[in-house]
Structure formats: C-alpha cells, structure tokens
Amino acid sequence: MTVALMWEARAVAGRGEDLLAWVREREIPGEPLRREILRAPQDRVLVITWWDAPYDAELPELPEPDEDLVSRAVHRWRFEQVDR
C-alpha cells in the first residue's frame, strides 16, 4: 500500500522564504518513495511524502517549526492511494 503524508504550514507574513528554507533543511528519517515541496500564496508551504507502508504505520513526519516562523499550527493529513 502507498500512504501519502501531507504537512502544510503558513508562515508569519513575509517569512515564506524562511519557512521554505526551513523545510528544505529538514531531513526526514527513513526513505520515502517520493517527497515534494510546494508553495502557495499567503506564505504557505506544503510537503507531501509517499511511503510504502500500511495506512496506520508509524511514519516520520516533519516537526512543528518555531512559533516565530509560523502563524498557526501545522496541518497534517494522511491518505492512502486508491488508483495508480
């Protein structure tokens, strides 16, 4: 089964590049099948990692950034692949 973990944070106004740099510097333990980093307006950064694992497996995730970098708590979602 393939599981996708999504991690999304919104930077403090004007600190989107700092948040993007913070994400790029973070190593994720283990070997995801794939990792993508995306950004959106309002200084939002999204990281998606794909794993070959059961849906409820314990998988490594990015931590919460320091409070001075983000404007709210990180949002996290988990999905399982249904079609290829």
PDB file of N, CA and C in Angstrom:
ATOM      1  N   MET A   1       0.848  -1.170   0.000  1.00  0.00           N
ATOM      2  CA  MET A   1       0.000   0.000   0.000  1.00  0.00           C
ATOM      3  C   MET A   1       0.893   1.231   0.000  1.00  0.00           C
ATOM      4  N   THR A   2       0.441   2.272  -0.660  1.00  0.00           N
ATOM      5  CA  THR A   2       1.155   3.540  -0.642  1.00  0.00           C
ATOM      6  C   THR A   2       0.374   4.536   0.202  1.00  0.00           C
ATOM      7  N   VAL A   3       1.064   5.156   1.140  1.00  0.00           N
ATOM      8  CA  VAL A   3       0.482   6.160   2.030  1.00  0.00           C
ATOM      9  C   VAL A   3       1.152   7.494   1.742  1.00  0.00           C
ATOM     10  N   ALA A   4       0.349   8.542   1.644  1.00  0.00           N
ATOM     11  CA  ALA A   4       0.881   9.890   1.454  1.00  0.00           C
ATOM     12  C   ALA A   4       0.639  10.693   2.724  1.00  0.00           C
ATOM     13  N   LEU A   5       1.704  11.302   3.220  1.00  0.00           N
ATOM     14  CA  LEU A   5       1.588  12.216   4.356  1.00  0.00           C
ATOM     15  C   LEU A   5       1.700  13.637   3.828  1.00  0.00           C
ATOM     16  N   MET A   6       0.765  14.473   4.245  1.00  0.00           N
ATOM     17  CA  MET A   6       0.791  15.877   3.841  1.00  0.00           C
ATOM     18  C   MET A   6       1.010  16.741   5.077  1.00  0.00           C
ATOM     19  N   TRP A   7       1.902  17.702   4.943  1.00  0.00           N
ATOM     20  CA  TRP A   7       2.278  18.627   6.020  1.00  0.00           C
ATOM     21  C   TRP A   7       2.164  20.018   5.425  1.00  0.00           C
ATOM     22  N   GLU A   8       1.345  20.881   6.037  1.00  0.00           N
ATOM     23  CA  GLU A   8       1.143  22.229   5.480  1.00  0.00           C
ATOM     24  C   GLU A   8       1.248  23.259   6.597  1.00  0.00           C
ATOM     25  N   ALA A   9       2.038  24.301   6.330  1.00  0.00           N
ATOM     26  CA  ALA A   9       2.218  25.370   7.313  1.00  0.00           C
ATOM     27  C   ALA A   9       2.080  26.716   6.622  1.00  0.00           C
ATOM     28  N   ARG A  10       1.662  27.687   7.392  1.00  0.00           N
ATOM     29  CA  ARG A  10       1.559  29.059   6.897  1.00  0.00           C
ATOM     30  C   ARG A  10       2.523  29.916   7.693  1.00  0.00           C
ATOM     31  N   ALA A  11       3.422  30.558   6.977  1.00  0.00           N
ATOM     32  CA  ALA A  11       4.448  31.375   7.628  1.00  0.00           C
ATOM     33  C   ALA A  11       3.857  32.681   8.145  1.00  0.00           C
ATOM     34  N   VAL A  12       4.531  33.261   9.081  1.00  0.00           N
ATOM     35  CA  VAL A  12       4.232  34.624   9.502  1.00  0.00           C
ATOM     36  C   VAL A  12       4.390  35.499   8.256  1.00  0.00           C
ATOM     37  N   ALA A  13       3.559  36.512   8.105  1.00  0.00           N
ATOM     38  CA  ALA A  13       3.570  37.368   6.913  1.00  0.00           C
ATOM     39  C   ALA A  13       4.996  37.807   6.570  1.00  0.00           C
ATOM     40  N   GLY A  14       5.364  37.584   5.301  1.00  0.00           N
ATOM     41  CA  GLY A  14       6.678  37.986   4.835  1.00  0.00           C
ATOM     42  C   GLY A  14       7.792  36.989   5.100  1.00  0.00           C
ATOM     43  N   ARG A  15       7.490  35.865   5.739  1.00  0.00           N
ATOM     44  CA  ARG A  15       8.531  34.888   6.083  1.00  0.00           C
ATOM     45  C   ARG A  15       8.395  33.576   5.310  1.00  0.00           C
ATOM     46  N   GLY A  16       7.703  33.636   4.184  1.00  0.00           N
ATOM     47  CA  GLY A  16       7.507  32.440   3.374  1.00  0.00           C
ATOM     48  C   GLY A  16       8.812  31.821   2.906  1.00  0.00           C
ATOM     49  N   GLU A  17       9.759  32.638   2.478  1.00  0.00           N
ATOM     50  CA  GLU A  17      11.053  32.114   2.027  1.00  0.00           C
ATOM     51  C   GLU A  17      11.813  31.468   3.175  1.00  0.00           C
ATOM     52  N   ASP A  18      11.672  32.039   4.379  1.00  0.00           N
ATOM     53  CA  ASP A  18      12.325  31.453   5.562  1.00  0.00           C
ATOM     54  C   ASP A  18      11.731  30.080   5.875  1.00  0.00           C
ATOM     55  N   LEU A  19      10.406  29.973   5.782  1.00  0.00           N
ATOM     56  CA  LEU A  19       9.753  28.689   6.040  1.00  0.00           C
ATOM     57  C   LEU A  19      10.156  27.672   4.980  1.00  0.00           C
ATOM     58  N   LEU A  20      10.206  28.096   3.742  1.00  0.00           N
ATOM     59  CA  LEU A  20      10.624  27.203   2.659  1.00  0.00           C
ATOM     60  C   LEU A  20      12.053  26.703   2.898  1.00  0.00           C
ATOM     61  N   ALA A  21      12.945  27.588   3.296  1.00  0.00           N
ATOM     62  CA  ALA A  21      14.328  27.191   3.601  1.00  0.00           C
ATOM     63  C   ALA A  21      14.365  26.230   4.784  1.00  0.00           C
ATOM     64  N   TRP A  22      13.553  26.486   5.800  1.00  0.00           N
ATOM     65  CA  TRP A  22      13.496  25.615   6.979  1.00  0.00           C
ATOM     66  C   TRP A  22      13.090  24.203   6.564  1.00  0.00           C
ATOM     67  N   VAL A  23      12.065  24.094   5.713  1.00  0.00           N
ATOM     68  CA  VAL A  23      11.594  22.785   5.249  1.00  0.00           C
ATOM     69  C   VAL A  23      12.677  22.076   4.455  1.00  0.00           C
ATOM     70  N   ARG A  24      13.345  22.788   3.563  1.00  0.00           N
ATOM     71  CA  ARG A  24      14.383  22.176   2.733  1.00  0.00           C
ATOM     72  C   ARG A  24      15.547  21.637   3.559  1.00  0.00           C
ATOM     73  N   GLU A  25      15.818  22.255   4.697  1.00  0.00           N
ATOM     74  CA  GLU A  25      16.926  21.828   5.556  1.00  0.00           C
ATOM     75  C   GLU A  25      16.593  20.592   6.389  1.00  0.00           C
ATOM     76  N   ARG A  26      15.322  20.258   6.515  1.00  0.00           N
ATOM     77  CA  ARG A  26      14.907  19.155   7.380  1.00  0.00           C
ATOM     78  C   ARG A  26      15.070  17.829   6.677  1.00  0.00           C
ATOM     79  N   GLU A  27      15.753  16.920   7.341  1.00  0.00           N
ATOM     80  CA  GLU A  27      15.851  15.548   6.874  1.00  0.00           C
ATOM     81  C   GLU A  27      14.678  14.769   7.454  1.00  0.00           C
ATOM     82  N   ILE A  28      14.128  13.882   6.659  1.00  0.00           N
ATOM     83  CA  ILE A  28      13.075  13.002   7.146  1.00  0.00           C
ATOM     84  C   ILE A  28      13.713  11.630   7.317  1.00  0.00           C
ATOM     85  N   PRO A  29      13.713  11.094   8.533  1.00  0.00           N
ATOM     86  CA  PRO A  29      14.314   9.776   8.736  1.00  0.00           C
ATOM     87  C   PRO A  29      13.625   8.736   7.850  1.00  0.00           C
ATOM     88  N   GLY A  30      14.376   7.764   7.397  1.00  0.00           N
ATOM     89  CA  GLY A  30      13.812   6.741   6.535  1.00  0.00           C
ATOM     90  C   GLY A  30      13.889   7.165   5.075  1.00  0.00           C
ATOM     91  N   GLU A  31      13.339   6.361   4.226  1.00  0.00           N
ATOM     92  CA  GLU A  31      13.394   6.608   2.788  1.00  0.00           C
ATOM     93  C   GLU A  31      11.990   6.665   2.213  1.00  0.00           C
ATOM     94  N   PRO A  32      11.404   7.853   2.105  1.00  0.00           N
ATOM     95  CA  PRO A  32      10.097   7.894   1.431  1.00  0.00           C
ATOM     96  C   PRO A  32      10.283   7.536  -0.046  1.00  0.00           C
ATOM     97  N   LEU A  33       9.231   7.025  -0.648  1.00  0.00           N
ATOM     98  CA  LEU A  33       9.269   6.727  -2.079  1.00  0.00           C
ATOM     99  C   LEU A  33       9.459   8.015  -2.883  1.00  0.00           C
ATOM    100  N   ARG A  34       8.900   9.079  -2.347  1.00  0.00           N
ATOM    101  CA  ARG A  34       8.919  10.375  -3.044  1.00  0.00           C
ATOM    102  C   ARG A  34       8.671  11.476  -2.025  1.00  0.00           C
ATOM    103  N   ARG A  35       9.213  12.657  -2.314  1.00  0.00           N
ATOM    104  CA  ARG A  35       8.996  13.833  -1.456  1.00  0.00           C
ATOM    105  C   ARG A  35       8.867  15.047  -2.361  1.00  0.00           C
ATOM    106  N   GLU A  36       7.822  15.821  -2.152  1.00  0.00           N
ATOM    107  CA  GLU A  36       7.620  17.048  -2.922  1.00  0.00           C
ATOM    108  C   GLU A  36       7.408  18.209  -1.965  1.00  0.00           C
ATOM    109  N   ILE A  37       7.951  19.355  -2.337  1.00  0.00           N
ATOM    110  CA  ILE A  37       7.773  20.592  -1.576  1.00  0.00           C
ATOM    111  C   ILE A  37       7.100  21.583  -2.515  1.00  0.00           C
ATOM    112  N   LEU A  38       5.994  22.148  -2.062  1.00  0.00           N
ATOM    113  CA  LEU A  38       5.241  23.110  -2.872  1.00  0.00           C
ATOM    114  C   LEU A  38       4.980  24.363  -2.049  1.00  0.00           C
ATOM    115  N   ARG A  39       4.693  25.462  -2.737  1.00  0.00           N
ATOM    116  CA  ARG A  39       4.311  26.682  -2.015  1.00  0.00           C
ATOM    117  C   ARG A  39       3.096  27.292  -2.680  1.00  0.00           C
ATOM    118  N   ALA A  40       2.425  28.169  -1.932  1.00  0.00           N
ATOM    119  CA  ALA A  40       1.195  28.800  -2.397  1.00  0.00           C
ATOM    120  C   ALA A  40       1.141  30.227  -1.851  1.00  0.00           C
ATOM    121  N   PRO A  41       0.207  31.032  -2.366  1.00  0.00           N
ATOM    122  CA  PRO A  41       0.049  32.379  -1.828  1.00  0.00           C
ATOM    123  C   PRO A  41      -0.175  32.345  -0.313  1.00  0.00           C
ATOM    124  N   GLN A  42      -0.017  33.477   0.282  1.00  0.00           N
ATOM    125  CA  GLN A  42      -0.156  33.672   1.734  1.00  0.00           C
ATOM    126  C   GLN A  42       0.944  32.939   2.493  1.00  0.00           C
ATOM    127  N   ASP A  43       2.125  32.805   1.847  1.00  0.00           N
ATOM    128  CA  ASP A  43       3.300  32.226   2.500  1.00  0.00           C
ATOM    129  C   ASP A  43       3.042  30.833   3.059  1.00  0.00           C
ATOM    130  N   ARG A  44       2.326  30.000   2.289  1.00  0.00           N
ATOM    131  CA  ARG A  44       2.056  28.626   2.701  1.00  0.00           C
ATOM    132  C   ARG A  44       3.041  27.676   2.027  1.00  0.00           C
ATOM    133  N   VAL A  45       3.449  26.644   2.773  1.00  0.00           N
ATOM    134  CA  VAL A  45       4.362  25.617   2.271  1.00  0.00           C
ATOM    135  C   VAL A  45       3.726  24.257   2.542  1.00  0.00           C
ATOM    136  N   LEU A  46       3.769  23.392   1.523  1.00  0.00           N
ATOM    137  CA  LEU A  46       3.194  22.057   1.607  1.00  0.00           C
ATOM    138  C   LEU A  46       4.283  21.032   1.306  1.00  0.00           C
ATOM    139  N   VAL A  47       4.360  19.998   2.123  1.00  0.00           N
ATOM    140  CA  VAL A  47       5.289  18.886   1.885  1.00  0.00           C
ATOM    141  C   VAL A  47       4.447  17.619   1.814  1.00  0.00           C
ATOM    142  N   ILE A  48       4.650  16.847   0.738  1.00  0.00           N
ATOM    143  CA  ILE A  48       3.981  15.555   0.587  1.00  0.00           C
ATOM    144  C   ILE A  48       5.057  14.493   0.484  1.00  0.00           C
ATOM    145  N   THR A  49       4.928  13.462   1.308  1.00  0.00           N
ATOM    146  CA  THR A  49       5.834  12.321   1.213  1.00  0.00           C
ATOM    147  C   THR A  49       4.996  11.068   0.965  1.00  0.00           C
ATOM    148  N   TRP A  50       5.531  10.173   0.128  1.00  0.00           N
ATOM    149  CA  TRP A  50       4.872   8.906  -0.176  1.00  0.00           C
ATOM    150  C   TRP A  50       5.691   7.787   0.444  1.00  0.00           C
ATOM    151  N   TRP A  51       5.004   6.822   1.040  1.00  0.00           N
ATOM    152  CA  TRP A  51       5.642   5.719   1.744  1.00  0.00           C
ATOM    153  C   TRP A  51       5.017   4.396   1.328  1.00  0.00           C
ATOM    154  N   ASP A  52       5.827   3.369   1.231  1.00  0.00           N
ATOM    155  CA  ASP A  52       5.331   2.010   1.034  1.00  0.00           C
ATOM    156  C   ASP A  52       5.115   1.444   2.424  1.00  0.00           C
ATOM    157  N   ALA A  53       3.870   1.564   2.926  1.00  0.00           N
ATOM    158  CA  ALA A  53       3.573   1.179   4.304  1.00  0.00           C
ATOM    159  C   ALA A  53       2.071   1.023   4.481  1.00  0.00           C
ATOM    160  N   PRO A  54       1.645   0.305   5.522  1.00  0.00           N
ATOM    161  CA  PRO A  54       0.220   0.249   5.841  1.00  0.00           C
ATOM    162  C   PRO A  54      -0.286   1.629   6.252  1.00  0.00           C
ATOM    163  N   TYR A  55      -1.576   1.845   6.108  1.00  0.00           N
ATOM    164  CA  TYR A  55      -2.165   3.150   6.411  1.00  0.00           C
ATOM    165  C   TYR A  55      -1.851   3.612   7.831  1.00  0.00           C
ATOM    166  N   ASP A  56      -1.903   2.713   8.776  1.00  0.00           N
ATOM    167  CA  ASP A  56      -1.721   3.108  10.184  1.00  0.00           C
ATOM    168  C   ASP A  56      -0.284   2.955  10.682  1.00  0.00           C
ATOM    169  N   ALA A  57       0.670   2.782   9.769  1.00  0.00           N
ATOM    170  CA  ALA A  57       2.071   2.629  10.163  1.00  0.00           C
ATOM    171  C   ALA A  57       2.594   3.899  10.827  1.00  0.00           C
ATOM    172  N   GLU A  58       3.521   3.724  11.764  1.00  0.00           N
ATOM    173  CA  GLU A  58       4.213   4.875  12.349  1.00  0.00           C
ATOM    174  C   GLU A  58       5.243   5.343  11.343  1.00  0.00           C
ATOM    175  N   LEU A  59       5.076   6.568  10.865  1.00  0.00           N
ATOM    176  CA  LEU A  59       5.982   7.113   9.850  1.00  0.00           C
ATOM    177  C   LEU A  59       6.560   8.432  10.335  1.00  0.00           C
ATOM    178  N   PRO A  60       7.788   8.739   9.952  1.00  0.00           N
ATOM    179  CA  PRO A  60       8.396  10.002  10.383  1.00  0.00           C
ATOM    180  C   PRO A  60       7.747  11.183   9.674  1.00  0.00           C
ATOM    181  N   GLU A  61       7.574  12.259  10.399  1.00  0.00           N
ATOM    182  CA  GLU A  61       6.984  13.475   9.844  1.00  0.00           C
ATOM    183  C   GLU A  61       7.846  14.676  10.208  1.00  0.00           C
ATOM    184  N   LEU A  62       7.662  15.737   9.474  1.00  0.00           N
ATOM    185  CA  LEU A  62       8.345  16.985   9.817  1.00  0.00           C
ATOM    186  C   LEU A  62       7.805  17.510  11.136  1.00  0.00           C
ATOM    187  N   PRO A  63       8.651  18.118  11.933  1.00  0.00           N
ATOM    188  CA  PRO A  63       8.191  18.673  13.208  1.00  0.00           C
ATOM    189  C   PRO A  63       7.486  20.014  13.009  1.00  0.00           C
ATOM    190  N   GLU A  64       7.025  20.574  14.100  1.00  0.00           N
ATOM    191  CA  GLU A  64       6.465  21.933  14.092  1.00  0.00           C
ATOM    192  C   GLU A  64       7.630  22.916  14.027  1.00  0.00           C
ATOM    193  N   PRO A  65       7.562  23.916  13.163  1.00  0.00           N
ATOM    194  CA  PRO A  65       8.594  24.961  13.165  1.00  0.00           C
ATOM    195  C   PRO A  65       8.470  25.825  14.424  1.00  0.00           C
ATOM    196  N   ASP A  66       9.489  26.608  14.700  1.00  0.00           N
ATOM    197  CA  ASP A  66       9.423  27.545  15.825  1.00  0.00           C
ATOM    198  C   ASP A  66       8.233  28.479  15.650  1.00  0.00           C
ATOM    199  N   GLU A  67       7.642  28.892  16.765  1.00  0.00           N
ATOM    200  CA  GLU A  67       6.448  29.735  16.731  1.00  0.00           C
ATOM    201  C   GLU A  67       6.667  31.073  16.033  1.00  0.00           C
ATOM    202  N   ASP A  68       7.896  31.582  16.024  1.00  0.00           N
ATOM    203  CA  ASP A  68       8.144  32.868  15.383  1.00  0.00           C
ATOM    204  C   ASP A  68       8.199  32.763  13.853  1.00  0.00           C
ATOM    205  N   LEU A  69       8.111  31.537  13.329  1.00  0.00           N
ATOM    206  CA  LEU A  69       8.164  31.324  11.886  1.00  0.00           C
ATOM    207  C   LEU A  69       6.784  31.062  11.281  1.00  0.00           C
ATOM    208  N   VAL A  70       5.861  30.517  12.057  1.00  0.00           N
ATOM    209  CA  VAL A  70       4.539  30.168  11.528  1.00  0.00           C
ATOM    210  C   VAL A  70       3.434  30.960  12.220  1.00  0.00           C
ATOM    211  N   SER A  71       2.338  31.169  11.471  1.00  0.00           N
ATOM    212  CA  SER A  71       1.228  31.963  12.003  1.00  0.00           C
ATOM    213  C   SER A  71       0.148  31.106  12.655  1.00  0.00           C
ATOM    214  N   ARG A  72       0.267  29.786  12.529  1.00  0.00           N
ATOM    215  CA  ARG A  72      -0.695  28.868  13.138  1.00  0.00           C
ATOM    216  C   ARG A  72      -0.051  27.489  13.214  1.00  0.00           C
ATOM    217  N   ALA A  73      -0.726  26.581  13.876  1.00  0.00           N
ATOM    218  CA  ALA A  73      -0.210  25.208  13.975  1.00  0.00           C
ATOM    219  C   ALA A  73      -0.175  24.560  12.589  1.00  0.00           C
ATOM    220  N   VAL A  74       0.739  23.644  12.422  1.00  0.00           N
ATOM    221  CA  VAL A  74       0.858  22.888  11.172  1.00  0.00           C
ATOM    222  C   VAL A  74      -0.381  22.013  10.993  1.00  0.00           C
ATOM    223  N   HIS A  75      -0.845  21.892   9.756  1.00  0.00           N
ATOM    224  CA  HIS A  75      -1.932  20.971   9.419  1.00  0.00           C
ATOM    225  C   HIS A  75      -1.311  19.707   8.850  1.00  0.00           C
ATOM    226  N   ARG A  76      -1.839  18.564   9.242  1.00  0.00           N
ATOM    227  CA  ARG A  76      -1.317  17.273   8.788  1.00  0.00           C
ATOM    228  C   ARG A  76      -2.483  16.391   8.344  1.00  0.00           C
ATOM    229  N   TRP A  77      -2.268  15.674   7.214  1.00  0.00           N
ATOM    230  CA  TRP A  77      -3.260  14.732   6.713  1.00  0.00           C
ATOM    231  C   TRP A  77      -2.557  13.477   6.261  1.00  0.00           C
ATOM    232  N   ARG A  78      -3.281  12.381   6.267  1.00  0.00           N
ATOM    233  CA  ARG A  78      -2.762  11.095   5.803  1.00  0.00           C
ATOM    234  C   ARG A  78      -3.779  10.527   4.814  1.00  0.00           C
ATOM    235  N   PHE A  79      -3.266  10.054   3.683  1.00  0.00           N
ATOM    236  CA  PHE A  79      -4.112   9.475   2.635  1.00  0.00           C
ATOM    237  C   PHE A  79      -3.540   8.147   2.194  1.00  0.00           C
ATOM    238  N   GLU A  80      -4.399   7.267   1.696  1.00  0.00           N
ATOM    239  CA  GLU A  80      -3.918   6.035   1.072  1.00  0.00           C
ATOM    240  C   GLU A  80      -4.239   6.100  -0.416  1.00  0.00           C
ATOM    241  N   GLN A  81      -3.326   5.563  -1.214  1.00  0.00           N
ATOM    242  CA  GLN A  81      -3.515   5.557  -2.653  1.00  0.00           C
ATOM    243  C   GLN A  81      -4.577   4.529  -3.016  1.00  0.00           C
ATOM    244  N   VAL A  82      -5.529   4.923  -3.890  1.00  0.00           N
ATOM    245  CA  VAL A  82      -6.569   4.003  -4.312  1.00  0.00           C
ATOM    246  C   VAL A  82      -6.464   3.647  -5.790  1.00  0.00           C
ATOM    247  N   ASP A  83      -5.855   4.472  -6.602  1.00  0.00           N
ATOM    248  CA  ASP A  83      -5.647   4.202  -8.020  1.00  0.00           C
ATOM    249  C   ASP A  83      -4.221   4.565  -8.396  1.00  0.00           C
ATOM    250  N   ARG A  84      -3.679   3.897  -9.362  1.00  0.00           N
ATOM    251  CA  ARG A  84      -2.333   4.217  -9.856  1.00  0.00           C
ATOM    252  C   ARG A  84      -2.431   4.804 -11.219  1.00  0.00           C
TER     253      ARG A  84
END
